[in-house]
Amino acid sequence: MNKRIRKAAIVLLLLMIALPRSFAQENYSITEFLAKRKAEKKVAQIEMNTFRMGLKTGFNLSTYTKGFDYRPNIHLGMAFEIPLSLNWFIMPEIYYINKGGRKSVDDVFYGLNAYGYKMWVTGKFYSSPSYIDVPLMVGYKHWIDEDMNLYAAIGPYVSYGVGGKLKLEKAGNTDKYDLYDECGFNRWNYGLNMELGYNYEGLNLAFGVDYGLSDIIGVTPTTGNNNLVAYPYDYNSSTGKTMDKEVQIGYKEMRHLVFKFSLGYFFKL
C-alpha cells in the first residue's frame, strides 16, 4: 500500500512540475488559459446567436379542407431570424405562394340557362389562387455543434390574395373564372404555420404546414348539400347571349391546407 501511495505522489508531483512549464511555453498561466477558453466559448455562442436574413424557395402540395384533391404549386420569399437567446428565436417571413386544389365532378348542378333549364356538368375543376403570405413564428433550436442545428417553429400567418383563376374543363372546353371577383373567394385570410428545419452553416432545409383558420368563400353555396354550384345565368336581350351574372364555386367552411418543402440560404448580418 505504501508503495502505491509513493508512486501516486511521484506522478502527481511530476504533473505539478510539467503543467506550469507547458503553459509557460505558451506565455500564459493556468488562470489565463481558462480565461482564454471561456472567451473563445463566449465568442462561439455570439456567432451562433446572430441575426440572419435568408431566401427560401420550394414546392408545395395544396388543397382545401373540403372537397378537393392535392395539386403541386410553388413558393418563394424571404425570412428573417431574430435571436432571443442561444436557443429561442423569432422568424418573420414574407413570400409569394400558390395554393388551391383540383376536383373531378360528375353531374353537378351548374345553374340555369337563358330558358330556365337546369344545367348539369361533368368535368374537372382547377383552383389556383396566389397569395402574399406573412407568417410570424417563434422557434427553438437544438444545437448539434457550432455550425449545425435542428429547429421547430410555430406561429400565425396572414394572407392577401393577389390573383388566381378557377378553370372548369368540360366536354372539350375550358371555362375560366376569377376566384375573387366571380367565385366569391375572400382576398384576406389567416391561419397557423408550423415548420421543422435543419440548418448547416447558411444552408436551410425545411418542411412546413399551413392550416387555414378562416373561410375561403365569402358567400354560401346555393345548394343544400354544398356541392359545387353556380348562380343562375342572365339572358342579355341586346346581344342575344347568355351572360354570367355571378359565379360562386366552393363549399361552406372551406379552408386552405398546404404542405411546403423549402430550400434556403441565410446570411449573417
Protein backbone atom coordinates (compact mmCIF):
# COMPACT_ATOMS: atom_id res chain seq x y z
CA MET A 1 0.00 0.00 0.00
CA ASN A 2 2.85 2.39 0.89
CA LYS A 3 4.49 1.72 -2.48
CA ARG A 4 1.26 2.63 -4.29
CA ILE A 5 0.94 5.84 -2.32
CA ARG A 6 4.53 6.77 -3.10
CA LYS A 7 4.00 6.09 -6.84
CA ALA A 8 0.86 8.21 -6.88
CA ALA A 9 2.64 11.02 -5.07
CA ILE A 10 5.52 10.91 -7.56
CA VAL A 11 3.09 11.05 -10.56
CA LEU A 12 1.23 13.96 -9.00
CA LEU A 13 4.48 15.81 -8.35
CA LEU A 14 5.62 15.32 -11.94
CA LEU A 15 2.29 16.66 -13.24
CA MET A 16 2.56 19.71 -11.00
CA ILE A 17 6.00 20.38 -12.41
CA ALA A 18 5.10 19.69 -16.06
CA LEU A 19 1.84 21.65 -16.36
CA PRO A 20 3.18 25.09 -15.39
CA ARG A 21 6.10 24.58 -17.78
CA SER A 22 3.76 23.74 -20.67
CA PHE A 23 1.67 26.84 -20.00
CA ALA A 24 4.85 28.90 -19.55
CA GLN A 25 5.91 27.89 -23.07
CA GLU A 26 2.69 29.47 -24.35
CA ASN A 27 3.36 32.59 -22.24
CA TYR A 28 0.22 32.37 -20.06
CA SER A 29 -0.70 30.86 -16.72
CA ILE A 30 -3.43 28.33 -15.90
CA THR A 31 -5.74 31.21 -14.92
CA GLU A 32 -5.06 32.95 -18.21
CA PHE A 33 -5.59 29.69 -20.11
CA LEU A 34 -9.01 29.16 -18.51
CA ALA A 35 -9.96 32.78 -19.20
CA LYS A 36 -8.94 32.33 -22.85
CA ARG A 37 -11.09 29.19 -23.20
CA LYS A 38 -14.05 30.99 -21.62
CA ALA A 39 -13.64 33.91 -24.00
CA GLU A 40 -13.46 31.55 -27.00
CA LYS A 41 -16.67 29.84 -25.88
CA LYS A 42 -18.40 33.19 -25.49
CA VAL A 43 -17.33 34.23 -28.99
CA ALA A 44 -18.66 30.93 -30.38
CA GLN A 45 -22.02 31.49 -28.67
CA ILE A 46 -22.21 35.00 -30.10
CA GLU A 47 -21.55 33.59 -33.57
CA MET A 48 -24.30 31.01 -33.02
CA ASN A 49 -26.70 33.68 -31.76
CA THR A 50 -26.71 36.14 -34.69
CA PHE A 51 -29.43 37.96 -36.65
CA ARG A 52 -29.79 36.33 -40.07
CA MET A 53 -31.68 37.01 -43.30
CA GLY A 54 -32.39 34.34 -45.88
CA LEU A 55 -34.03 33.46 -49.18
CA LYS A 56 -36.33 30.42 -49.30
CA THR A 57 -38.00 28.66 -52.21
CA GLY A 58 -39.54 25.29 -52.92
CA PHE A 59 -42.66 23.41 -53.89
CA ASN A 60 -45.84 22.70 -52.00
CA LEU A 61 -48.83 20.37 -52.15
CA SER A 62 -52.02 22.32 -51.61
CA THR A 63 -55.69 21.50 -51.22
CA TYR A 64 -58.77 22.62 -49.31
CA THR A 65 -60.19 21.11 -46.16
CA LYS A 66 -63.34 20.10 -48.05
CA GLY A 67 -64.00 18.55 -51.42
CA PHE A 68 -60.71 18.92 -53.32
CA ASP A 69 -57.62 16.86 -54.11
CA TYR A 70 -53.99 17.99 -53.85
CA ARG A 71 -52.19 19.87 -56.60
CA PRO A 72 -48.48 20.88 -56.80
CA ASN A 73 -47.51 24.54 -56.50
CA ILE A 74 -44.53 26.75 -55.67
CA HIS A 75 -43.49 29.40 -53.15
CA LEU A 76 -40.69 31.98 -53.00
CA GLY A 77 -39.80 34.51 -50.34
CA MET A 78 -37.60 35.95 -47.60
CA ALA A 79 -37.17 35.01 -43.94
CA PHE A 80 -35.59 36.85 -41.01
CA GLU A 81 -34.18 35.06 -37.96
CA ILE A 82 -34.11 37.24 -34.85
CA PRO A 83 -32.39 35.56 -31.86
CA LEU A 84 -33.91 35.88 -28.39
CA SER A 85 -31.31 33.64 -26.72
CA LEU A 86 -28.93 30.89 -27.75
CA ASN A 87 -31.87 28.55 -28.44
CA TRP A 88 -35.01 30.70 -28.89
CA PHE A 89 -35.71 32.92 -31.90
CA ILE A 90 -38.43 34.79 -33.79
CA MET A 91 -38.79 34.23 -37.54
CA PRO A 92 -40.97 36.64 -39.58
CA GLU A 93 -41.33 35.73 -43.25
CA ILE A 94 -42.89 37.17 -46.39
CA TYR A 95 -43.36 35.19 -49.57
CA TYR A 96 -45.39 34.64 -52.70
CA ILE A 97 -47.21 31.30 -52.74
CA ASN A 98 -49.62 29.40 -54.99
CA LYS A 99 -52.34 27.41 -53.25
CA GLY A 100 -55.58 25.76 -54.39
CA GLY A 101 -56.68 22.30 -55.38
CA ARG A 102 -58.35 20.19 -58.06
CA LYS A 103 -61.53 18.14 -58.25
CA SER A 104 -63.29 15.81 -60.68
CA VAL A 105 -67.07 16.23 -60.73
CA ASP A 106 -69.93 14.24 -62.24
CA ASP A 107 -73.44 15.60 -62.89
CA VAL A 108 -73.19 18.66 -60.65
CA PHE A 109 -75.89 21.33 -60.90
CA TYR A 110 -74.27 24.30 -62.62
CA GLY A 111 -77.13 26.80 -62.85
CA LEU A 112 -79.94 27.75 -65.25
CA ASN A 113 -79.63 28.69 -68.88
CA ALA A 114 -81.46 31.55 -70.58
CA TYR A 115 -84.61 29.43 -70.97
CA GLY A 116 -84.78 28.32 -67.35
CA TYR A 117 -83.49 24.78 -67.90
CA LYS A 118 -81.10 23.32 -65.36
CA MET A 119 -77.51 22.86 -66.48
CA TRP A 120 -75.52 19.83 -65.26
CA VAL A 121 -71.78 19.48 -65.70
CA THR A 122 -69.25 16.65 -65.75
CA GLY A 123 -65.58 17.65 -65.78
CA LYS A 124 -62.63 18.86 -63.72
CA PHE A 125 -62.14 21.96 -61.60
CA TYR A 126 -58.71 23.53 -61.01
CA SER A 127 -58.38 26.28 -58.41
CA SER A 128 -55.10 28.24 -58.35
CA PRO A 129 -55.16 31.29 -56.05
CA SER A 130 -51.94 33.21 -55.40
CA TYR A 131 -51.19 34.98 -52.13
CA ILE A 132 -48.68 37.13 -50.34
CA ASP A 133 -48.22 35.29 -47.03
CA VAL A 134 -46.76 36.89 -43.91
CA PRO A 135 -46.09 34.34 -41.13
CA LEU A 136 -44.65 35.25 -37.72
CA MET A 137 -43.23 32.21 -35.92
CA VAL A 138 -41.46 31.55 -32.62
CA GLY A 139 -38.90 28.75 -32.75
CA TYR A 140 -36.49 26.66 -30.71
CA LYS A 141 -33.07 25.41 -31.89
CA HIS A 142 -31.29 22.25 -30.78
CA TRP A 143 -27.59 22.78 -31.46
CA ILE A 144 -25.60 19.78 -32.71
CA ASP A 145 -22.39 21.82 -32.98
CA GLU A 146 -21.46 25.45 -33.70
CA ASP A 147 -22.48 25.20 -37.38
CA MET A 148 -25.40 22.76 -37.26
CA ASN A 149 -28.81 22.71 -35.60
CA LEU A 150 -32.34 21.37 -35.79
CA TYR A 151 -35.31 23.63 -35.08
CA ALA A 152 -39.08 23.71 -34.69
CA ALA A 153 -41.22 26.84 -35.11
CA ILE A 154 -44.90 27.73 -34.94
CA GLY A 155 -47.00 30.87 -35.31
CA PRO A 156 -49.84 32.64 -37.15
CA TYR A 157 -49.88 33.90 -40.72
CA VAL A 158 -51.91 36.45 -42.68
CA SER A 159 -52.54 36.17 -46.44
CA TYR A 160 -53.72 38.54 -49.13
CA GLY A 161 -54.91 37.19 -52.49
CA VAL A 162 -53.19 38.80 -55.47
CA GLY A 163 -54.61 36.66 -58.28
CA GLY A 164 -55.95 33.33 -59.36
CA LYS A 165 -58.38 31.54 -61.66
CA LEU A 166 -60.78 28.69 -61.40
CA LYS A 167 -60.79 26.53 -64.54
CA LEU A 168 -63.58 24.17 -65.47
CA GLU A 169 -62.75 21.59 -68.14
CA LYS A 170 -65.87 20.01 -69.62
CA ALA A 171 -66.76 18.42 -72.95
CA GLY A 172 -63.50 19.54 -74.52
CA ASN A 173 -63.98 23.17 -73.48
CA THR A 174 -62.34 25.19 -70.71
CA ASP A 175 -64.15 27.96 -68.83
CA LYS A 176 -62.17 30.33 -66.59
CA TYR A 177 -63.41 32.46 -63.69
CA ASP A 178 -61.67 34.96 -61.48
CA LEU A 179 -61.58 33.48 -57.98
CA TYR A 180 -62.12 36.76 -56.17
CA ASP A 181 -64.35 38.82 -58.46
CA GLU A 182 -66.53 35.97 -59.79
CA CYS A 183 -66.21 33.00 -57.43
CA GLY A 184 -66.70 34.76 -54.11
CA PHE A 185 -63.26 33.98 -52.63
CA ASN A 186 -62.08 36.21 -49.78
CA ARG A 187 -58.82 38.01 -50.53
CA TRP A 188 -57.86 38.17 -46.85
CA ASN A 189 -57.43 35.01 -44.79
CA TYR A 190 -55.34 33.81 -41.89
CA GLY A 191 -54.15 30.58 -40.33
CA LEU A 192 -51.46 28.69 -38.44
CA ASN A 193 -47.97 27.99 -39.79
CA MET A 194 -45.73 25.18 -38.46
CA GLU A 195 -42.18 24.36 -39.57
CA LEU A 196 -39.45 21.80 -38.86
CA GLY A 197 -35.99 22.53 -40.23
CA TYR A 198 -32.27 21.81 -40.41
CA ASN A 199 -29.51 24.43 -40.61
CA TYR A 200 -25.93 23.77 -41.64
CA GLU A 201 -23.93 27.00 -41.74
CA GLY A 202 -26.05 29.09 -44.17
CA LEU A 203 -27.95 26.19 -45.76
CA ASN A 204 -31.55 25.66 -44.66
CA LEU A 205 -33.86 22.70 -45.33
CA ALA A 206 -37.42 22.91 -44.02
CA PHE A 207 -40.79 21.17 -44.03
CA GLY A 208 -43.83 23.26 -43.17
CA VAL A 209 -47.61 23.06 -42.87
CA ASP A 210 -50.05 25.94 -43.40
CA TYR A 211 -53.50 25.33 -41.96
CA GLY A 212 -56.17 27.91 -42.69
CA LEU A 213 -58.37 29.15 -39.85
CA SER A 214 -60.63 31.44 -41.93
CA ASP A 215 -63.24 30.52 -44.54
CA ILE A 216 -62.14 31.00 -48.14
CA ILE A 217 -65.62 31.50 -49.60
CA GLY A 218 -67.30 34.75 -48.66
CA VAL A 219 -70.82 33.62 -49.57
CA THR A 220 -72.83 30.44 -49.03
CA PRO A 221 -73.32 27.95 -51.91
CA THR A 222 -76.84 27.84 -53.31
CA THR A 223 -77.48 24.10 -52.89
CA GLY A 224 -78.41 22.46 -49.62
CA ASN A 225 -75.77 19.74 -49.93
CA ASN A 226 -72.98 22.29 -50.55
CA ASN A 227 -71.95 20.88 -53.94
CA LEU A 228 -70.02 22.93 -56.45
CA VAL A 229 -72.56 25.35 -57.87
CA ALA A 230 -73.05 28.48 -59.94
CA TYR A 231 -75.60 31.25 -59.66
CA PRO A 232 -78.30 31.40 -62.39
CA TYR A 233 -77.32 32.81 -65.76
CA ASP A 234 -78.90 36.01 -67.11
CA TYR A 235 -80.01 36.44 -70.72
CA ASN A 236 -78.85 39.64 -72.41
CA SER A 237 -81.61 40.64 -74.88
CA SER A 238 -79.45 43.22 -76.68
CA THR A 239 -76.72 40.73 -77.63
CA GLY A 240 -78.79 37.56 -77.59
CA LYS A 241 -76.18 35.86 -75.40
CA THR A 242 -76.29 34.18 -72.03
CA MET A 243 -74.14 36.10 -69.55
CA ASP A 244 -72.69 35.06 -66.24
CA LYS A 245 -74.41 37.09 -63.57
CA GLU A 246 -72.26 35.86 -60.72
CA VAL A 247 -70.40 32.59 -60.34
CA GLN A 248 -69.55 31.08 -56.95
CA ILE A 249 -67.94 27.67 -56.70
CA GLY A 250 -66.95 26.10 -53.40
CA TYR A 251 -68.09 24.82 -50.03
CA LYS A 252 -69.09 26.36 -46.75
CA GLU A 253 -66.28 26.41 -44.17
CA MET A 254 -63.69 25.52 -46.83
CA ARG A 255 -60.13 26.42 -45.77
CA HIS A 256 -56.57 26.16 -47.10
CA LEU A 257 -54.25 23.25 -46.31
CA VAL A 258 -50.67 23.40 -47.65
CA PHE A 259 -47.60 21.19 -47.14
CA LYS A 260 -44.37 23.03 -48.00
CA PHE A 261 -40.87 21.73 -48.79
CA SER A 262 -38.25 24.51 -48.80
CA LEU A 263 -34.60 25.06 -49.62
CA GLY A 264 -32.97 28.27 -48.45
CA TYR A 265 -29.77 30.09 -47.68
CA PHE A 266 -29.24 32.52 -44.76
CA PHE A 267 -26.73 35.35 -44.41
CA LYS A 268 -25.44 36.69 -41.08
CA LEU A 269 -25.99 40.41 -40.63
